[in-house]
Amino acid sequence: MSFPVCRLGLPPLLGLHRSVRHRSLNSSSASALYDVVISGGGMVGTAMACALGSHPHLHNKKILLLEAGHRKVYDHLPEQFSNRVSSITPGSATLLASFGAWDHICAMRMKPYKRMQVR
């Protein structure tokens, strides 16, 4: 079983509807029809795919998440990490919690920041 590509380092999200799960496209499946196509598997695209795929009114819809980057697997935390920062508002945290992603984010290297200096 495989899941949407996510560059954020989220482990596989649990409970996703089958229509959101990752699948490679080849020439024989390229003509398949989808109800929703999301371009970009970054933070916003992946959150959108998960939110739509877990919505009860869309349970029978086919959702395709397109991502041009290489698929990354995060089965453990790397020893080295970047000090790159992403801001997640309380509203976004609520959305991420609604489909089970927030607990996975909190289990990673998520930490609050109180100030920042950009040069």
PDB file of N, CA and C in Angstrom:
ATOM      1  N   MET A   1       0.854  -1.172   0.000  1.00  0.00           N
ATOM      2  CA  MET A   1       0.000   0.000   0.000  1.00  0.00           C
ATOM      3  C   MET A   1       0.897   1.230   0.000  1.00  0.00           C
ATOM      4  N   SER A   2       0.601   2.202  -0.839  1.00  0.00           N
ATOM      5  CA  SER A   2       1.403   3.413  -0.872  1.00  0.00           C
ATOM      6  C   SER A   2       0.511   4.627  -0.711  1.00  0.00           C
ATOM      7  N   PHE A   3       1.122   5.739  -0.347  1.00  0.00           N
ATOM      8  CA  PHE A   3       0.392   6.933   0.022  1.00  0.00           C
ATOM      9  C   PHE A   3       0.898   8.127  -0.754  1.00  0.00           C
ATOM     10  N   PRO A   4       0.223   9.275  -0.631  1.00  0.00           N
ATOM     11  CA  PRO A   4       0.639  10.456  -1.379  1.00  0.00           C
ATOM     12  C   PRO A   4       2.074  10.853  -1.081  1.00  0.00           C
ATOM     13  N   VAL A   5       2.711  11.383  -2.073  1.00  0.00           N
ATOM     14  CA  VAL A   5       4.066  11.888  -1.914  1.00  0.00           C
ATOM     15  C   VAL A   5       3.994  13.160  -1.091  1.00  0.00           C
ATOM     16  N   CYS A   6       4.909  13.313  -0.170  1.00  0.00           N
ATOM     17  CA  CYS A   6       4.932  14.531   0.628  1.00  0.00           C
ATOM     18  C   CYS A   6       6.361  14.913   0.913  1.00  0.00           C
ATOM     19  N   ARG A   7       6.761  16.096   0.500  1.00  0.00           N
ATOM     20  CA  ARG A   7       8.130  16.539   0.726  1.00  0.00           C
ATOM     21  C   ARG A   7       8.351  16.994   2.157  1.00  0.00           C
ATOM     22  N   LEU A   8       7.315  17.095   2.963  1.00  0.00           N
ATOM     23  CA  LEU A   8       7.463  17.562   4.333  1.00  0.00           C
ATOM     24  C   LEU A   8       8.075  16.522   5.247  1.00  0.00           C
ATOM     25  N   GLY A   9       8.041  15.295   4.870  1.00  0.00           N
ATOM     26  CA  GLY A   9       8.555  14.255   5.733  1.00  0.00           C
ATOM     27  C   GLY A   9       7.482  13.610   6.587  1.00  0.00           C
ATOM     28  N   LEU A  10       6.240  13.747   6.216  1.00  0.00           N
ATOM     29  CA  LEU A  10       5.191  13.084   6.958  1.00  0.00           C
ATOM     30  C   LEU A  10       5.246  11.597   6.681  1.00  0.00           C
ATOM     31  N   PRO A  11       5.118  10.788   7.708  1.00  0.00           N
ATOM     32  CA  PRO A  11       5.011   9.352   7.461  1.00  0.00           C
ATOM     33  C   PRO A  11       3.669   9.067   6.798  1.00  0.00           C
ATOM     34  N   PRO A  12       3.453   7.858   6.340  1.00  0.00           N
ATOM     35  CA  PRO A  12       2.179   7.559   5.688  1.00  0.00           C
ATOM     36  C   PRO A  12       1.003   7.954   6.575  1.00  0.00           C
ATOM     37  N   LEU A  13       0.048   8.628   5.987  1.00  0.00           N
ATOM     38  CA  LEU A  13      -1.120   9.073   6.733  1.00  0.00           C
ATOM     39  C   LEU A  13      -2.116   7.933   6.815  1.00  0.00           C
ATOM     40  N   LEU A  14      -2.602   7.690   8.007  1.00  0.00           N
ATOM     41  CA  LEU A  14      -3.499   6.568   8.233  1.00  0.00           C
ATOM     42  C   LEU A  14      -4.923   6.919   7.857  1.00  0.00           C
ATOM     43  N   GLY A  15      -5.673   5.931   7.469  1.00  0.00           N
ATOM     44  CA  GLY A  15      -7.093   6.103   7.238  1.00  0.00           C
ATOM     45  C   GLY A  15      -7.468   6.850   5.969  1.00  0.00           C
ATOM     46  N   LEU A  16      -6.553   6.983   5.051  1.00  0.00           N
ATOM     47  CA  LEU A  16      -6.889   7.698   3.824  1.00  0.00           C
ATOM     48  C   LEU A  16      -7.773   6.839   2.936  1.00  0.00           C
ATOM     49  N   HIS A  17      -8.694   7.490   2.292  1.00  0.00           N
ATOM     50  CA  HIS A  17      -9.569   6.803   1.352  1.00  0.00           C
ATOM     51  C   HIS A  17      -8.730   6.247   0.204  1.00  0.00           C
ATOM     52  N   ARG A  18      -9.124   5.152  -0.348  1.00  0.00           N
ATOM     53  CA  ARG A  18      -8.349   4.512  -1.411  1.00  0.00           C
ATOM     54  C   ARG A  18      -8.113   5.429  -2.597  1.00  0.00           C
ATOM     55  N   SER A  19      -9.014   6.387  -2.828  1.00  0.00           N
ATOM     56  CA  SER A  19      -8.872   7.253  -3.999  1.00  0.00           C
ATOM     57  C   SER A  19      -7.757   8.275  -3.841  1.00  0.00           C
ATOM     58  N   VAL A  20      -7.213   8.447  -2.632  1.00  0.00           N
ATOM     59  CA  VAL A  20      -6.150   9.426  -2.410  1.00  0.00           C
ATOM     60  C   VAL A  20      -4.776   8.758  -2.439  1.00  0.00           C
ATOM     61  N   ARG A  21      -4.751   7.465  -2.304  1.00  0.00           N
ATOM     62  CA  ARG A  21      -3.474   6.764  -2.239  1.00  0.00           C
ATOM     63  C   ARG A  21      -2.689   6.908  -3.526  1.00  0.00           C
ATOM     64  N   HIS A  22      -1.385   6.900  -3.397  1.00  0.00           N
ATOM     65  CA  HIS A  22      -0.466   7.120  -4.518  1.00  0.00           C
ATOM     66  C   HIS A  22      -0.494   5.944  -5.477  1.00  0.00           C
ATOM     67  N   ARG A  23      -0.403   6.273  -6.744  1.00  0.00           N
ATOM     68  CA  ARG A  23      -0.291   5.228  -7.754  1.00  0.00           C
ATOM     69  C   ARG A  23       0.473   5.821  -8.923  1.00  0.00           C
ATOM     70  N   SER A  24       1.390   5.065  -9.455  1.00  0.00           N
ATOM     71  CA  SER A  24       2.175   5.548 -10.587  1.00  0.00           C
ATOM     72  C   SER A  24       1.341   5.504 -11.854  1.00  0.00           C
ATOM     73  N   LEU A  25       1.534   6.516 -12.690  1.00  0.00           N
ATOM     74  CA  LEU A  25       0.841   6.534 -13.972  1.00  0.00           C
ATOM     75  C   LEU A  25       1.774   6.047 -15.063  1.00  0.00           C
ATOM     76  N   ASN A  26       1.259   5.221 -15.925  1.00  0.00           N
ATOM     77  CA  ASN A  26       2.009   4.821 -17.108  1.00  0.00           C
ATOM     78  C   ASN A  26       1.123   5.085 -18.322  1.00  0.00           C
ATOM     79  N   SER A  27       1.581   4.719 -19.487  1.00  0.00           N
ATOM     80  CA  SER A  27       0.818   5.042 -20.697  1.00  0.00           C
ATOM     81  C   SER A  27      -0.554   4.377 -20.716  1.00  0.00           C
ATOM     82  N   SER A  28      -0.696   3.223 -20.095  1.00  0.00           N
ATOM     83  CA  SER A  28      -1.994   2.552 -20.121  1.00  0.00           C
ATOM     84  C   SER A  28      -2.985   3.183 -19.153  1.00  0.00           C
ATOM     85  N   SER A  29      -2.505   3.821 -18.091  1.00  0.00           N
ATOM     86  CA  SER A  29      -3.427   4.427 -17.128  1.00  0.00           C
ATOM     87  C   SER A  29      -3.533   5.934 -17.295  1.00  0.00           C
ATOM     88  N   ALA A  30      -2.778   6.515 -18.224  1.00  0.00           N
ATOM     89  CA  ALA A  30      -2.767   7.969 -18.392  1.00  0.00           C
ATOM     90  C   ALA A  30      -4.105   8.508 -18.870  1.00  0.00           C
ATOM     91  N   SER A  31      -4.929   7.673 -19.462  1.00  0.00           N
ATOM     92  CA  SER A  31      -6.218   8.145 -19.955  1.00  0.00           C
ATOM     93  C   SER A  31      -7.321   8.001 -18.905  1.00  0.00           C
ATOM     94  N   ALA A  32      -6.989   7.595 -17.699  1.00  0.00           N
ATOM     95  CA  ALA A  32      -7.991   7.438 -16.645  1.00  0.00           C
ATOM     96  C   ALA A  32      -8.635   8.782 -16.323  1.00  0.00           C
ATOM     97  N   LEU A  33      -9.894   8.738 -15.940  1.00  0.00           N
ATOM     98  CA  LEU A  33     -10.621   9.952 -15.588  1.00  0.00           C
ATOM     99  C   LEU A  33     -10.646  10.121 -14.078  1.00  0.00           C
ATOM    100  N   TYR A  34     -10.474  11.360 -13.626  1.00  0.00           N
ATOM    101  CA  TYR A  34     -10.493  11.681 -12.207  1.00  0.00           C
ATOM    102  C   TYR A  34     -11.483  12.807 -11.972  1.00  0.00           C
ATOM    103  N   ASP A  35     -12.067  12.816 -10.799  1.00  0.00           N
ATOM    104  CA  ASP A  35     -12.995  13.881 -10.432  1.00  0.00           C
ATOM    105  C   ASP A  35     -12.249  15.134  -9.992  1.00  0.00           C
ATOM    106  N   VAL A  36     -11.103  14.943  -9.346  1.00  0.00           N
ATOM    107  CA  VAL A  36     -10.287  16.060  -8.863  1.00  0.00           C
ATOM    108  C   VAL A  36      -8.834  15.759  -9.194  1.00  0.00           C
ATOM    109  N   VAL A  37      -8.133  16.737  -9.764  1.00  0.00           N
ATOM    110  CA  VAL A  37      -6.700  16.615 -10.024  1.00  0.00           C
ATOM    111  C   VAL A  37      -6.010  17.755  -9.288  1.00  0.00           C
ATOM    112  N   ILE A  38      -5.043  17.413  -8.443  1.00  0.00           N
ATOM    113  CA  ILE A  38      -4.291  18.400  -7.670  1.00  0.00           C
ATOM    114  C   ILE A  38      -2.861  18.381  -8.173  1.00  0.00           C
ATOM    115  N   SER A  39      -2.385  19.531  -8.583  1.00  0.00           N
ATOM    116  CA  SER A  39      -1.029  19.649  -9.116  1.00  0.00           C
ATOM    117  C   SER A  39      -0.094  20.132  -8.018  1.00  0.00           C
ATOM    118  N   GLY A  40       0.834  19.277  -7.619  1.00  0.00           N
ATOM    119  CA  GLY A  40       1.821  19.636  -6.605  1.00  0.00           C
ATOM    120  C   GLY A  40       1.586  18.897  -5.306  1.00  0.00           C
ATOM    121  N   GLY A  41       2.581  18.114  -4.902  1.00  0.00           N
ATOM    122  CA  GLY A  41       2.479  17.320  -3.679  1.00  0.00           C
ATOM    123  C   GLY A  41       3.231  17.917  -2.518  1.00  0.00           C
ATOM    124  N   GLY A  42       3.348  19.228  -2.487  1.00  0.00           N
ATOM    125  CA  GLY A  42       3.968  19.900  -1.342  1.00  0.00           C
ATOM    126  C   GLY A  42       2.996  19.958  -0.175  1.00  0.00           C
ATOM    127  N   MET A  43       3.258  20.873   0.735  1.00  0.00           N
ATOM    128  CA  MET A  43       2.445  20.981   1.942  1.00  0.00           C
ATOM    129  C   MET A  43       0.966  21.231   1.613  1.00  0.00           C
ATOM    130  N   VAL A  44       0.694  22.163   0.732  1.00  0.00           N
ATOM    131  CA  VAL A  44      -0.695  22.531   0.427  1.00  0.00           C
ATOM    132  C   VAL A  44      -1.387  21.460  -0.413  1.00  0.00           C
ATOM    133  N   GLY A  45      -0.726  20.980  -1.462  1.00  0.00           N
ATOM    134  CA  GLY A  45      -1.338  19.981  -2.327  1.00  0.00           C
ATOM    135  C   GLY A  45      -1.647  18.682  -1.608  1.00  0.00           C
ATOM    136  N   THR A  46      -0.719  18.223  -0.784  1.00  0.00           N
ATOM    137  CA  THR A  46      -0.941  16.983  -0.048  1.00  0.00           C
ATOM    138  C   THR A  46      -2.044  17.151   0.985  1.00  0.00           C
ATOM    139  N   ALA A  47      -2.053  18.292   1.685  1.00  0.00           N
ATOM    140  CA  ALA A  47      -3.125  18.550   2.653  1.00  0.00           C
ATOM    141  C   ALA A  47      -4.482  18.588   1.952  1.00  0.00           C
ATOM    142  N   MET A  48      -4.532  19.218   0.786  1.00  0.00           N
ATOM    143  CA  MET A  48      -5.787  19.288   0.030  1.00  0.00           C
ATOM    144  C   MET A  48      -6.250  17.891  -0.378  1.00  0.00           C
ATOM    145  N   ALA A  49      -5.343  17.076  -0.893  1.00  0.00           N
ATOM    146  CA  ALA A  49      -5.704  15.715  -1.308  1.00  0.00           C
ATOM    147  C   ALA A  49      -6.214  14.897  -0.124  1.00  0.00           C
ATOM    148  N   CYS A  50      -5.544  15.005   1.004  1.00  0.00           N
ATOM    149  CA  CYS A  50      -5.968  14.253   2.192  1.00  0.00           C
ATOM    150  C   CYS A  50      -7.312  14.746   2.714  1.00  0.00           C
ATOM    151  N   ALA A  51      -7.494  16.070   2.745  1.00  0.00           N
ATOM    152  CA  ALA A  51      -8.759  16.629   3.231  1.00  0.00           C
ATOM    153  C   ALA A  51      -9.921  16.220   2.327  1.00  0.00           C
ATOM    154  N   LEU A  52      -9.731  16.331   1.018  1.00  0.00           N
ATOM    155  CA  LEU A  52     -10.796  15.940   0.092  1.00  0.00           C
ATOM    156  C   LEU A  52     -11.066  14.442   0.162  1.00  0.00           C
ATOM    157  N   GLY A  53     -10.001  13.647   0.239  1.00  0.00           N
ATOM    158  CA  GLY A  53     -10.155  12.201   0.274  1.00  0.00           C
ATOM    159  C   GLY A  53     -10.818  11.681   1.534  1.00  0.00           C
ATOM    160  N   SER A  54     -10.730  12.436   2.623  1.00  0.00           N
ATOM    161  CA  SER A  54     -11.353  11.993   3.871  1.00  0.00           C
ATOM    162  C   SER A  54     -12.728  12.621   4.094  1.00  0.00           C
ATOM    163  N   HIS A  55     -13.160  13.491   3.196  1.00  0.00           N
ATOM    164  CA  HIS A  55     -14.463  14.149   3.339  1.00  0.00           C
ATOM    165  C   HIS A  55     -15.578  13.157   3.009  1.00  0.00           C
ATOM    166  N   PRO A  56     -16.589  13.031   3.874  1.00  0.00           N
ATOM    167  CA  PRO A  56     -17.633  12.024   3.649  1.00  0.00           C
ATOM    168  C   PRO A  56     -18.439  12.225   2.365  1.00  0.00           C
ATOM    169  N   HIS A  57     -18.599  13.455   1.914  1.00  0.00           N
ATOM    170  CA  HIS A  57     -19.366  13.694   0.688  1.00  0.00           C
ATOM    171  C   HIS A  57     -18.568  13.377  -0.575  1.00  0.00           C
ATOM    172  N   LEU A  58     -17.278  13.163  -0.434  1.00  0.00           N
ATOM    173  CA  LEU A  58     -16.429  12.884  -1.597  1.00  0.00           C
ATOM    174  C   LEU A  58     -15.866  11.463  -1.575  1.00  0.00           C
ATOM    175  N   HIS A  59     -16.434  10.596  -0.742  1.00  0.00           N
ATOM    176  CA  HIS A  59     -15.861   9.260  -0.558  1.00  0.00           C
ATOM    177  C   HIS A  59     -15.832   8.420  -1.831  1.00  0.00           C
ATOM    178  N   ASN A  60     -16.689   8.706  -2.786  1.00  0.00           N
ATOM    179  CA  ASN A  60     -16.711   7.908  -4.018  1.00  0.00           C
ATOM    180  C   ASN A  60     -16.048   8.623  -5.191  1.00  0.00           C
ATOM    181  N   LYS A  61     -15.335   9.696  -4.930  1.00  0.00           N
ATOM    182  CA  LYS A  61     -14.668  10.456  -5.988  1.00  0.00           C
ATOM    183  C   LYS A  61     -13.219   9.994  -6.141  1.00  0.00           C
ATOM    184  N   LYS A  62     -12.729  10.062  -7.360  1.00  0.00           N
ATOM    185  CA  LYS A  62     -11.336   9.701  -7.640  1.00  0.00           C
ATOM    186  C   LYS A  62     -10.498  10.973  -7.622  1.00  0.00           C
ATOM    187  N   ILE A  63      -9.474  10.978  -6.767  1.00  0.00           N
ATOM    188  CA  ILE A  63      -8.620  12.151  -6.582  1.00  0.00           C
ATOM    189  C   ILE A  63      -7.202  11.777  -6.990  1.00  0.00           C
ATOM    190  N   LEU A  64      -6.622  12.599  -7.849  1.00  0.00           N
ATOM    191  CA  LEU A  64      -5.258  12.363  -8.319  1.00  0.00           C
ATOM    192  C   LEU A  64      -4.365  13.483  -7.808  1.00  0.00           C
ATOM    193  N   LEU A  65      -3.280  13.122  -7.148  1.00  0.00           N
ATOM    194  CA  LEU A  65      -2.276  14.072  -6.675  1.00  0.00           C
ATOM    195  C   LEU A  65      -1.045  13.914  -7.556  1.00  0.00           C
ATOM    196  N   LEU A  66      -0.729  14.947  -8.318  1.00  0.00           N
ATOM    197  CA  LEU A  66       0.428  14.921  -9.218  1.00  0.00           C
ATOM    198  C   LEU A  66       1.628  15.545  -8.527  1.00  0.00           C
ATOM    199  N   GLU A  67       2.757  14.872  -8.565  1.00  0.00           N
ATOM    200  CA  GLU A  67       3.998  15.402  -7.995  1.00  0.00           C
ATOM    201  C   GLU A  67       5.140  15.005  -8.908  1.00  0.00           C
ATOM    202  N   ALA A  68       5.884  15.990  -9.377  1.00  0.00           N
ATOM    203  CA  ALA A  68       6.986  15.732 -10.304  1.00  0.00           C
ATOM    204  C   ALA A  68       8.250  15.275  -9.590  1.00  0.00           C
ATOM    205  N   GLY A  69       8.383  15.606  -8.327  1.00  0.00           N
ATOM    206  CA  GLY A  69       9.596  15.254  -7.585  1.00  0.00           C
ATOM    207  C   GLY A  69       9.665  13.771  -7.279  1.00  0.00           C
ATOM    208  N   HIS A  70      10.838  13.346  -6.853  1.00  0.00           N
ATOM    209  CA  HIS A  70      11.038  11.946  -6.482  1.00  0.00           C
ATOM    210  C   HIS A  70      10.246  11.627  -5.225  1.00  0.00           C
ATOM    211  N   ARG A  71       9.754  10.422  -5.158  1.00  0.00           N
ATOM    212  CA  ARG A  71       9.026   9.974  -3.978  1.00  0.00           C
ATOM    213  C   ARG A  71      10.007   9.782  -2.828  1.00  0.00           C
ATOM    214  N   LYS A  72       9.667  10.355  -1.696  1.00  0.00           N
ATOM    215  CA  LYS A  72      10.522  10.241  -0.516  1.00  0.00           C
ATOM    216  C   LYS A  72       9.825   9.376   0.521  1.00  0.00           C
ATOM    217  N   VAL A  73      10.592   8.509   1.140  1.00  0.00           N
ATOM    218  CA  VAL A  73      10.070   7.645   2.191  1.00  0.00           C
ATOM    219  C   VAL A  73      10.740   8.056   3.493  1.00  0.00           C
ATOM    220  N   TYR A  74       9.934   8.321   4.496  1.00  0.00           N
ATOM    221  CA  TYR A  74      10.451   8.723   5.802  1.00  0.00           C
ATOM    222  C   TYR A  74      10.039   7.681   6.828  1.00  0.00           C
ATOM    223  N   ASP A  75      10.849   6.642   6.973  1.00  0.00           N
ATOM    224  CA  ASP A  75      10.534   5.623   7.963  1.00  0.00           C
ATOM    225  C   ASP A  75      11.267   5.861   9.279  1.00  0.00           C
ATOM    226  N   HIS A  76      12.181   6.827   9.284  1.00  0.00           N
ATOM    227  CA  HIS A  76      12.866   7.226  10.516  1.00  0.00           C
ATOM    228  C   HIS A  76      13.372   8.662  10.351  1.00  0.00           C
ATOM    229  N   LEU A  77      13.643   9.311  11.460  1.00  0.00           N
ATOM    230  CA  LEU A  77      14.162  10.677  11.408  1.00  0.00           C
ATOM    231  C   LEU A  77      15.642  10.654  11.053  1.00  0.00           C
ATOM    232  N   PRO A  78      16.068  11.463  10.095  1.00  0.00           N
ATOM    233  CA  PRO A  78      17.495  11.521   9.778  1.00  0.00           C
ATOM    234  C   PRO A  78      18.272  12.186  10.913  1.00  0.00           C
ATOM    235  N   GLU A  79      19.558  11.852  11.015  1.00  0.00           N
ATOM    236  CA  GLU A  79      20.399  12.436  12.060  1.00  0.00           C
ATOM    237  C   GLU A  79      20.597  13.928  11.836  1.00  0.00           C
ATOM    238  N   GLN A  80      20.799  14.332  10.593  1.00  0.00           N
ATOM    239  CA  GLN A  80      20.986  15.743  10.282  1.00  0.00           C
ATOM    240  C   GLN A  80      19.676  16.310   9.757  1.00  0.00           C
ATOM    241  N   PHE A  81      19.450  17.579  10.040  1.00  0.00           N
ATOM    242  CA  PHE A  81      18.223  18.204   9.572  1.00  0.00           C
ATOM    243  C   PHE A  81      18.492  19.654   9.209  1.00  0.00           C
ATOM    244  N   SER A  82      17.603  20.197   8.438  1.00  0.00           N
ATOM    245  CA  SER A  82      17.680  21.585   8.008  1.00  0.00           C
ATOM    246  C   SER A  82      16.986  22.460   9.041  1.00  0.00           C
ATOM    247  N   ASN A  83      17.414  23.706   9.131  1.00  0.00           N
ATOM    248  CA  ASN A  83      16.724  24.625  10.036  1.00  0.00           C
ATOM    249  C   ASN A  83      15.628  25.394   9.297  1.00  0.00           C
ATOM    250  N   ARG A  84      15.149  24.831   8.224  1.00  0.00           N
ATOM    251  CA  ARG A  84      14.074  25.427   7.439  1.00  0.00           C
ATOM    252  C   ARG A  84      12.807  25.518   8.293  1.00  0.00           C
ATOM    253  N   VAL A  85      12.080  26.608   8.147  1.00  0.00           N
ATOM    254  CA  VAL A  85      10.913  26.864   8.983  1.00  0.00           C
ATOM    255  C   VAL A  85       9.654  26.937   8.131  1.00  0.00           C
ATOM    256  N   SER A  86       8.597  26.308   8.600  1.00  0.00           N
ATOM    257  CA  SER A  86       7.265  26.452   8.013  1.00  0.00           C
ATOM    258  C   SER A  86       6.328  26.886   9.123  1.00  0.00           C
ATOM    259  N   SER A  87       5.495  27.841   8.829  1.00  0.00           N
ATOM    260  CA  SER A  87       4.539  28.328   9.817  1.00  0.00           C
ATOM    261  C   SER A  87       3.203  27.635   9.601  1.00  0.00           C
ATOM    262  N   ILE A  88       2.674  27.047  10.657  1.00  0.00           N
ATOM    263  CA  ILE A  88       1.376  26.381  10.594  1.00  0.00           C
ATOM    264  C   ILE A  88       0.467  27.060  11.612  1.00  0.00           C
ATOM    265  N   THR A  89      -0.589  27.673  11.131  1.00  0.00           N
ATOM    266  CA  THR A  89      -1.517  28.398  12.000  1.00  0.00           C
ATOM    267  C   THR A  89      -2.400  27.415  12.769  1.00  0.00           C
ATOM    268  N   PRO A  90      -3.053  27.872  13.843  1.00  0.00           N
ATOM    269  CA  PRO A  90      -3.979  26.982  14.557  1.00  0.00           C
ATOM    270  C   PRO A  90      -5.079  26.428  13.645  1.00  0.00           C
ATOM    271  N   GLY A  91      -5.556  27.236  12.709  1.00  0.00           N
ATOM    272  CA  GLY A  91      -6.571  26.744  11.772  1.00  0.00           C
ATOM    273  C   GLY A  91      -6.046  25.632  10.883  1.00  0.00           C
ATOM    274  N   SER A  92      -4.804  25.785  10.416  1.00  0.00           N
ATOM    275  CA  SER A  92      -4.188  24.735   9.592  1.00  0.00           C
ATOM    276  C   SER A  92      -3.942  23.482  10.418  1.00  0.00           C
ATOM    277  N   ALA A  93      -3.550  23.653  11.684  1.00  0.00           N
ATOM    278  CA  ALA A  93      -3.345  22.500  12.565  1.00  0.00           C
ATOM    279  C   ALA A  93      -4.659  21.740  12.759  1.00  0.00           C
ATOM    280  N   THR A  94      -5.758  22.466  12.875  1.00  0.00           N
ATOM    281  CA  THR A  94      -7.074  21.827  13.002  1.00  0.00           C
ATOM    282  C   THR A  94      -7.413  21.031  11.746  1.00  0.00           C
ATOM    283  N   LEU A  95      -7.150  21.614  10.580  1.00  0.00           N
ATOM    284  CA  LEU A  95      -7.382  20.902   9.321  1.00  0.00           C
ATOM    285  C   LEU A  95      -6.527  19.640   9.257  1.00  0.00           C
ATOM    286  N   LEU A  96      -5.246  19.757   9.573  1.00  0.00           N
ATOM    287  CA  LEU A  96      -4.345  18.600   9.533  1.00  0.00           C
ATOM    288  C   LEU A  96      -4.779  17.525  10.525  1.00  0.00           C
ATOM    289  N   ALA A  97      -5.303  17.931  11.674  1.00  0.00           N
ATOM    290  CA  ALA A  97      -5.787  16.966  12.665  1.00  0.00           C
ATOM    291  C   ALA A  97      -7.043  16.251  12.178  1.00  0.00           C
ATOM    292  N   SER A  98      -7.833  16.907  11.340  1.00  0.00           N
ATOM    293  CA  SER A  98      -9.100  16.320  10.891  1.00  0.00           C
ATOM    294  C   SER A  98      -8.911  15.055  10.067  1.00  0.00           C
ATOM    295  N   PHE A  99      -7.758  14.889   9.443  1.00  0.00           N
ATOM    296  CA  PHE A  99      -7.517  13.650   8.689  1.00  0.00           C
ATOM    297  C   PHE A  99      -6.307  12.885   9.209  1.00  0.00           C
ATOM    298  N   GLY A 100      -5.875  13.188  10.439  1.00  0.00           N
ATOM    299  CA  GLY A 100      -4.871  12.378  11.110  1.00  0.00           C
ATOM    300  C   GLY A 100      -3.424  12.747  10.885  1.00  0.00           C
ATOM    301  N   ALA A 101      -3.142  13.851  10.203  1.00  0.00           N
ATOM    302  CA  ALA A 101      -1.747  14.205   9.912  1.00  0.00           C
ATOM    303  C   ALA A 101      -1.063  14.926  11.066  1.00  0.00           C
ATOM    304  N   TRP A 102      -1.815  15.671  11.873  1.00  0.00           N
ATOM    305  CA  TRP A 102      -1.196  16.510  12.902  1.00  0.00           C
ATOM    306  C   TRP A 102      -0.405  15.687  13.913  1.00  0.00           C
ATOM    307  N   ASP A 103      -0.912  14.546  14.328  1.00  0.00           N
ATOM    308  CA  ASP A 103      -0.178  13.699  15.275  1.00  0.00           C
ATOM    309  C   ASP A 103       1.158  13.255  14.695  1.00  0.00           C
ATOM    310  N   HIS A 104       1.198  12.971  13.401  1.00  0.00           N
ATOM    311  CA  HIS A 104       2.448  12.577  12.752  1.00  0.00           C
ATOM    312  C   HIS A 104       3.422  13.749  12.695  1.00  0.00           C
ATOM    313  N   ILE A 105       2.911  14.941  12.429  1.00  0.00           N
ATOM    314  CA  ILE A 105       3.767  16.129  12.390  1.00  0.00           C
ATOM    315  C   ILE A 105       4.360  16.384  13.772  1.00  0.00           C
ATOM    316  N   CYS A 106       3.543  16.274  14.806  1.00  0.00           N
ATOM    317  CA  CYS A 106       4.027  16.498  16.173  1.00  0.00           C
ATOM    318  C   CYS A 106       5.071  15.465  16.585  1.00  0.00           C
ATOM    319  N   ALA A 107       4.989  14.265  16.031  1.00  0.00           N
ATOM    320  CA  ALA A 107       5.956  13.216  16.362  1.00  0.00           C
ATOM    321  C   ALA A 107       7.300  13.434  15.669  1.00  0.00           C
ATOM    322  N   MET A 108       7.335  14.309  14.678  1.00  0.00           N
ATOM    323  CA  MET A 108       8.580  14.615  13.977  1.00  0.00           C
ATOM    324  C   MET A 108       9.299  15.722  14.752  1.00  0.00           C
ATOM    325  N   ARG A 109      10.122  16.496  14.074  1.00  0.00           N
ATOM    326  CA  ARG A 109      10.886  17.549  14.744  1.00  0.00           C
ATOM    327  C   ARG A 109      10.130  18.871  14.798  1.00  0.00           C
ATOM    328  N   MET A 110       8.865  18.838  15.037  1.00  0.00           N
ATOM    329  CA  MET A 110       8.059  20.044  15.109  1.00  0.00           C
ATOM    330  C   MET A 110       8.316  20.754  16.435  1.00  0.00           C
ATOM    331  N   LYS A 111       8.684  22.008  16.346  1.00  0.00           N
ATOM    332  CA  LYS A 111       8.918  22.835  17.532  1.00  0.00           C
ATOM    333  C   LYS A 111       8.390  24.230  17.258  1.00  0.00           C
ATOM    334  N   PRO A 112       7.866  24.893  18.283  1.00  0.00           N
ATOM    335  CA  PRO A 112       7.447  26.287  18.075  1.00  0.00           C
ATOM    336  C   PRO A 112       8.664  27.204  17.997  1.00  0.00           C
ATOM    337  N   TYR A 113       8.509  28.315  17.321  1.00  0.00           N
ATOM    338  CA  TYR A 113       9.561  29.335  17.341  1.00  0.00           C
ATOM    339  C   TYR A 113       8.937  30.640  17.812  1.00  0.00           C
ATOM    340  N   LYS A 114       9.703  31.380  18.598  1.00  0.00           N
ATOM    341  CA  LYS A 114       9.183  32.594  19.214  1.00  0.00           C
ATOM    342  C   LYS A 114       9.641  33.858  18.507  1.00  0.00           C
ATOM    343  N   ARG A 115      10.763  33.803  17.825  1.00  0.00           N
ATOM    344  CA  ARG A 115      11.252  34.962  17.078  1.00  0.00           C
ATOM    345  C   ARG A 115      12.164  34.480  15.962  1.00  0.00           C
ATOM    346  N   MET A 116      12.382  35.387  15.009  1.00  0.00           N
ATOM    347  CA  MET A 116      13.192  35.036  13.854  1.00  0.00           C
ATOM    348  C   MET A 116      13.863  36.298  13.333  1.00  0.00           C
ATOM    349  N   GLN A 117      15.070  36.136  12.856  1.00  0.00           N
ATOM    350  CA  GLN A 117      15.783  37.248  12.232  1.00  0.00           C
ATOM    351  C   GLN A 117      16.199  36.805  10.839  1.00  0.00           C
ATOM    352  N   VAL A 118      15.802  37.574   9.841  1.00  0.00           N
ATOM    353  CA  VAL A 118      16.125  37.261   8.454  1.00  0.00           C
ATOM    354  C   VAL A 118      17.077  38.323   7.943  1.00  0.00           C
ATOM    355  N   ARG A 119      18.173  37.906   7.353  1.00  0.00           N
ATOM    356  CA  ARG A 119      19.169  38.852   6.823  1.00  0.00           C
ATOM    357  C   ARG A 119      19.248  38.758   5.335  1.00  0.00           C
TER     358      ARG A 119
END
